[in-house]
Each structure stands twice: as structure tokens, then as C-alpha cells.
Amino acid sequence: MDTRNELYHHLIRQFQNYSAEELVQLNNELVSGRWGASRSTFRTAVLNTLSKKGVDLSAIIHRNDGFTTIQIVPVALAENNVLIPLPE
């Protein structure tokens, strides 16, 4: 297993203990800061964990012609457990 994959699985285990609000805050720090090469690994783990917690990510994920695009934007958690993109 490569280092990035190991990091991803470690993060998934750690993030299970975070609340959805904490994960949203972490996402917003990731998209606004300079995290370097590991940023995508961290953000993928954050979004994966939010999804597993039942948070609807559809407002920031777009599928078109077989391609999936995930917006790199700050988000808020709405009362109905839906992520909403915030203006940058």
C-alpha cells in the first residue's frame, strides 16, 4: 500500500469521530489554505466521511458525460443535512 493510500485510510478512521460540523470546518480550511500535495487526500477523506454520515454532497458534486467534478469551495451544513456552497 502506498503512503498516500495509507494516509487516506488513517484519515477515514480518524474522521469517523468528527461531527459533521467539524468536517465542514475542516473542508473550509482545506479549500482556503495551502496544504500542498496531501490536500486532495485530506479533502477526499473529509468528503467520504461526510457522505458516510449521511450528508448530501450533491450541491458540490457534478457528473457530466462520465466525468465527476467536485467543486473546491467553502461549504455550510444546512439543517436538512445538505452541504451548500458558500461564495468564495
N, C-alpha and C. Protein backbone atom coordinates (compact mmCIF):
# COMPACT_ATOMS: atom_id res chain seq x y z
N MET A 1 0.85 -1.18 0.00
CA MET A 1 0.00 0.00 0.00
C MET A 1 0.89 1.24 0.00
N ASP A 2 0.61 2.19 -0.90
CA ASP A 2 1.45 3.38 -0.95
C ASP A 2 1.12 4.34 0.20
N THR A 3 2.00 5.29 0.41
CA THR A 3 1.89 6.20 1.54
C THR A 3 0.61 7.02 1.49
N ARG A 4 0.24 7.51 0.31
CA ARG A 4 -0.98 8.33 0.20
C ARG A 4 -2.22 7.50 0.53
N ASN A 5 -2.24 6.25 0.09
CA ASN A 5 -3.37 5.37 0.38
C ASN A 5 -3.43 5.07 1.88
N GLU A 6 -2.28 4.85 2.49
CA GLU A 6 -2.23 4.63 3.94
C GLU A 6 -2.75 5.85 4.69
N LEU A 7 -2.32 7.04 4.25
CA LEU A 7 -2.78 8.28 4.87
C LEU A 7 -4.29 8.40 4.75
N TYR A 8 -4.82 8.12 3.56
CA TYR A 8 -6.26 8.21 3.33
C TYR A 8 -7.02 7.32 4.31
N HIS A 9 -6.62 6.07 4.44
CA HIS A 9 -7.32 5.13 5.33
C HIS A 9 -7.17 5.53 6.79
N HIS A 10 -6.02 6.07 7.16
CA HIS A 10 -5.82 6.57 8.52
C HIS A 10 -6.78 7.74 8.78
N LEU A 11 -6.88 8.65 7.82
CA LEU A 11 -7.76 9.80 7.98
C LEU A 11 -9.22 9.38 8.09
N ILE A 12 -9.63 8.43 7.28
CA ILE A 12 -11.01 7.93 7.34
C ILE A 12 -11.32 7.42 8.75
N ARG A 13 -10.40 6.67 9.32
CA ARG A 13 -10.61 6.15 10.68
C ARG A 13 -10.70 7.30 11.68
N GLN A 14 -9.84 8.28 11.56
CA GLN A 14 -9.84 9.41 12.49
C GLN A 14 -11.09 10.27 12.34
N PHE A 15 -11.48 10.52 11.10
CA PHE A 15 -12.60 11.42 10.84
C PHE A 15 -13.94 10.83 11.26
N GLN A 16 -14.02 9.53 11.46
CA GLN A 16 -15.27 8.93 11.94
C GLN A 16 -15.69 9.52 13.28
N ASN A 17 -14.72 10.00 14.06
CA ASN A 17 -15.01 10.57 15.37
C ASN A 17 -15.38 12.04 15.31
N TYR A 18 -15.27 12.66 14.15
CA TYR A 18 -15.59 14.07 14.00
C TYR A 18 -17.09 14.23 13.74
N SER A 19 -17.65 15.34 14.19
CA SER A 19 -19.04 15.65 13.86
C SER A 19 -19.08 16.19 12.43
N ALA A 20 -20.26 16.22 11.85
CA ALA A 20 -20.41 16.77 10.50
C ALA A 20 -19.97 18.23 10.48
N GLU A 21 -20.29 18.98 11.52
CA GLU A 21 -19.89 20.39 11.59
C GLU A 21 -18.37 20.54 11.61
N GLU A 22 -17.68 19.67 12.35
CA GLU A 22 -16.22 19.71 12.39
C GLU A 22 -15.62 19.37 11.02
N LEU A 23 -16.24 18.43 10.33
CA LEU A 23 -15.76 18.07 8.99
C LEU A 23 -15.97 19.20 8.00
N VAL A 24 -17.10 19.90 8.11
CA VAL A 24 -17.36 21.05 7.24
C VAL A 24 -16.31 22.13 7.50
N GLN A 25 -16.00 22.38 8.76
CA GLN A 25 -14.98 23.37 9.10
C GLN A 25 -13.62 22.97 8.52
N LEU A 26 -13.28 21.70 8.64
CA LEU A 26 -12.02 21.21 8.08
C LEU A 26 -11.99 21.37 6.57
N ASN A 27 -13.10 21.05 5.89
CA ASN A 27 -13.19 21.26 4.44
C ASN A 27 -12.89 22.71 4.11
N ASN A 28 -13.51 23.63 4.83
CA ASN A 28 -13.34 25.04 4.53
C ASN A 28 -11.90 25.50 4.75
N GLU A 29 -11.23 24.95 5.74
CA GLU A 29 -9.82 25.26 5.94
C GLU A 29 -8.97 24.70 4.80
N LEU A 30 -9.34 23.51 4.34
CA LEU A 30 -8.59 22.88 3.24
C LEU A 30 -8.71 23.67 1.95
N VAL A 31 -9.92 24.11 1.61
CA VAL A 31 -10.10 24.79 0.32
C VAL A 31 -9.57 26.21 0.35
N SER A 32 -9.40 26.80 1.52
CA SER A 32 -8.92 28.18 1.58
C SER A 32 -7.43 28.28 1.85
N GLY A 33 -6.80 27.18 2.25
CA GLY A 33 -5.39 27.22 2.60
C GLY A 33 -4.51 26.54 1.58
N ARG A 34 -3.25 26.52 1.88
CA ARG A 34 -2.27 25.85 1.03
C ARG A 34 -1.76 24.63 1.77
N TRP A 35 -2.33 23.50 1.46
CA TRP A 35 -1.99 22.26 2.15
C TRP A 35 -1.01 21.42 1.37
N GLY A 36 -0.64 21.82 0.18
CA GLY A 36 0.34 21.08 -0.59
C GLY A 36 -0.24 19.81 -1.20
N ALA A 37 0.64 18.85 -1.45
CA ALA A 37 0.29 17.63 -2.17
C ALA A 37 -0.73 16.77 -1.44
N SER A 38 -0.79 16.84 -0.14
CA SER A 38 -1.71 15.98 0.62
C SER A 38 -3.11 16.56 0.72
N ARG A 39 -3.32 17.77 0.24
CA ARG A 39 -4.63 18.40 0.36
C ARG A 39 -5.74 17.55 -0.25
N SER A 40 -5.51 17.02 -1.43
CA SER A 40 -6.56 16.22 -2.08
C SER A 40 -6.86 14.96 -1.28
N THR A 41 -5.85 14.36 -0.68
CA THR A 41 -6.07 13.16 0.15
C THR A 41 -6.91 13.52 1.37
N PHE A 42 -6.57 14.62 2.04
CA PHE A 42 -7.34 15.07 3.20
C PHE A 42 -8.78 15.37 2.81
N ARG A 43 -8.95 16.11 1.72
CA ARG A 43 -10.30 16.52 1.34
C ARG A 43 -11.14 15.33 0.91
N THR A 44 -10.55 14.40 0.18
CA THR A 44 -11.27 13.19 -0.21
C THR A 44 -11.75 12.43 1.03
N ALA A 45 -10.89 12.32 2.03
CA ALA A 45 -11.27 11.64 3.28
C ALA A 45 -12.38 12.40 3.99
N VAL A 46 -12.30 13.73 4.02
CA VAL A 46 -13.34 14.54 4.65
C VAL A 46 -14.68 14.32 3.95
N LEU A 47 -14.69 14.44 2.62
CA LEU A 47 -15.94 14.28 1.88
C LEU A 47 -16.49 12.87 1.97
N ASN A 48 -15.61 11.88 1.95
CA ASN A 48 -16.04 10.49 2.09
C ASN A 48 -16.72 10.28 3.45
N THR A 49 -16.13 10.84 4.50
CA THR A 49 -16.69 10.68 5.84
C THR A 49 -18.01 11.41 5.96
N LEU A 50 -18.11 12.61 5.39
CA LEU A 50 -19.39 13.33 5.41
C LEU A 50 -20.47 12.50 4.72
N SER A 51 -20.12 11.91 3.60
CA SER A 51 -21.08 11.08 2.87
C SER A 51 -21.53 9.89 3.72
N LYS A 52 -20.58 9.25 4.39
CA LYS A 52 -20.93 8.11 5.24
C LYS A 52 -21.79 8.51 6.43
N LYS A 53 -21.72 9.79 6.83
CA LYS A 53 -22.55 10.30 7.91
C LYS A 53 -23.93 10.72 7.40
N GLY A 54 -24.18 10.51 6.12
CA GLY A 54 -25.49 10.81 5.54
C GLY A 54 -25.66 12.23 5.04
N VAL A 55 -24.57 12.97 4.93
CA VAL A 55 -24.64 14.34 4.42
C VAL A 55 -24.76 14.31 2.90
N ASP A 56 -25.70 15.08 2.36
CA ASP A 56 -25.92 15.16 0.92
C ASP A 56 -24.87 16.10 0.31
N LEU A 57 -24.02 15.57 -0.55
CA LEU A 57 -22.95 16.34 -1.18
C LEU A 57 -23.31 16.81 -2.58
N SER A 58 -24.53 16.57 -3.03
CA SER A 58 -24.89 16.79 -4.43
C SER A 58 -24.75 18.23 -4.89
N ALA A 59 -24.77 19.20 -3.99
CA ALA A 59 -24.64 20.60 -4.40
C ALA A 59 -23.22 20.95 -4.83
N ILE A 60 -22.23 20.13 -4.45
CA ILE A 60 -20.85 20.43 -4.85
C ILE A 60 -20.26 19.37 -5.78
N ILE A 61 -21.03 18.33 -6.09
CA ILE A 61 -20.57 17.26 -6.98
C ILE A 61 -21.41 17.28 -8.25
N HIS A 62 -20.73 17.34 -9.38
CA HIS A 62 -21.43 17.38 -10.67
C HIS A 62 -20.92 16.25 -11.55
N ARG A 63 -21.85 15.56 -12.20
CA ARG A 63 -21.50 14.48 -13.11
C ARG A 63 -21.96 14.86 -14.52
N ASN A 64 -21.05 14.72 -15.48
CA ASN A 64 -21.37 15.09 -16.85
C ASN A 64 -20.55 14.23 -17.79
N ASP A 65 -21.22 13.50 -18.66
CA ASP A 65 -20.55 12.67 -19.68
C ASP A 65 -19.53 11.72 -19.07
N GLY A 66 -19.85 11.12 -17.93
CA GLY A 66 -18.96 10.15 -17.32
C GLY A 66 -17.87 10.75 -16.45
N PHE A 67 -17.82 12.07 -16.36
CA PHE A 67 -16.82 12.73 -15.52
C PHE A 67 -17.48 13.27 -14.26
N THR A 68 -16.78 13.16 -13.16
CA THR A 68 -17.27 13.72 -11.91
C THR A 68 -16.37 14.87 -11.50
N THR A 69 -16.99 16.00 -11.19
CA THR A 69 -16.26 17.19 -10.76
C THR A 69 -16.75 17.56 -9.37
N ILE A 70 -15.81 17.79 -8.48
CA ILE A 70 -16.14 18.23 -7.12
C ILE A 70 -15.64 19.66 -6.97
N GLN A 71 -16.55 20.57 -6.68
CA GLN A 71 -16.16 21.96 -6.51
C GLN A 71 -15.24 22.11 -5.30
N ILE A 72 -14.24 22.95 -5.44
CA ILE A 72 -13.33 23.26 -4.34
C ILE A 72 -13.77 24.60 -3.77
N VAL A 73 -14.78 24.54 -2.91
CA VAL A 73 -15.38 25.75 -2.34
C VAL A 73 -15.64 25.53 -0.86
N PRO A 74 -15.69 26.64 -0.10
CA PRO A 74 -16.15 26.51 1.28
C PRO A 74 -17.63 26.12 1.27
N VAL A 75 -18.06 25.44 2.29
CA VAL A 75 -19.45 24.96 2.37
C VAL A 75 -20.03 25.23 3.75
N ALA A 76 -21.34 25.12 3.83
CA ALA A 76 -22.05 25.17 5.10
C ALA A 76 -22.95 23.95 5.15
N LEU A 77 -23.29 23.55 6.35
CA LEU A 77 -24.18 22.40 6.54
C LEU A 77 -25.57 22.94 6.86
N ALA A 78 -26.52 22.69 5.96
CA ALA A 78 -27.89 23.13 6.16
C ALA A 78 -28.58 22.20 7.16
N GLU A 79 -29.69 22.65 7.70
CA GLU A 79 -30.40 21.87 8.71
C GLU A 79 -30.86 20.51 8.19
N ASN A 80 -31.11 20.40 6.90
CA ASN A 80 -31.57 19.14 6.33
C ASN A 80 -30.43 18.22 5.94
N ASN A 81 -29.23 18.45 6.54
CA ASN A 81 -28.05 17.60 6.32
C ASN A 81 -27.54 17.64 4.89
N VAL A 82 -27.62 18.84 4.29
CA VAL A 82 -27.17 19.06 2.92
C VAL A 82 -26.05 20.09 2.95
N LEU A 83 -24.97 19.82 2.22
CA LEU A 83 -23.91 20.81 2.07
C LEU A 83 -24.36 21.86 1.07
N ILE A 84 -24.11 23.11 1.39
CA ILE A 84 -24.40 24.18 0.44
C ILE A 84 -23.11 24.97 0.21
N PRO A 85 -22.78 25.25 -1.06
CA PRO A 85 -21.56 26.01 -1.33
C PRO A 85 -21.72 27.45 -0.87
N LEU A 86 -20.64 28.02 -0.35
CA LEU A 86 -20.62 29.41 0.06
C LEU A 86 -19.85 30.22 -0.95
N PRO A 87 -20.18 31.49 -1.07
CA PRO A 87 -19.41 32.34 -2.00
C PRO A 87 -17.95 32.39 -1.55
N GLU A 88 -17.08 32.40 -2.52
CA GLU A 88 -15.64 32.41 -2.21
C GLU A 88 -15.15 33.79 -1.87
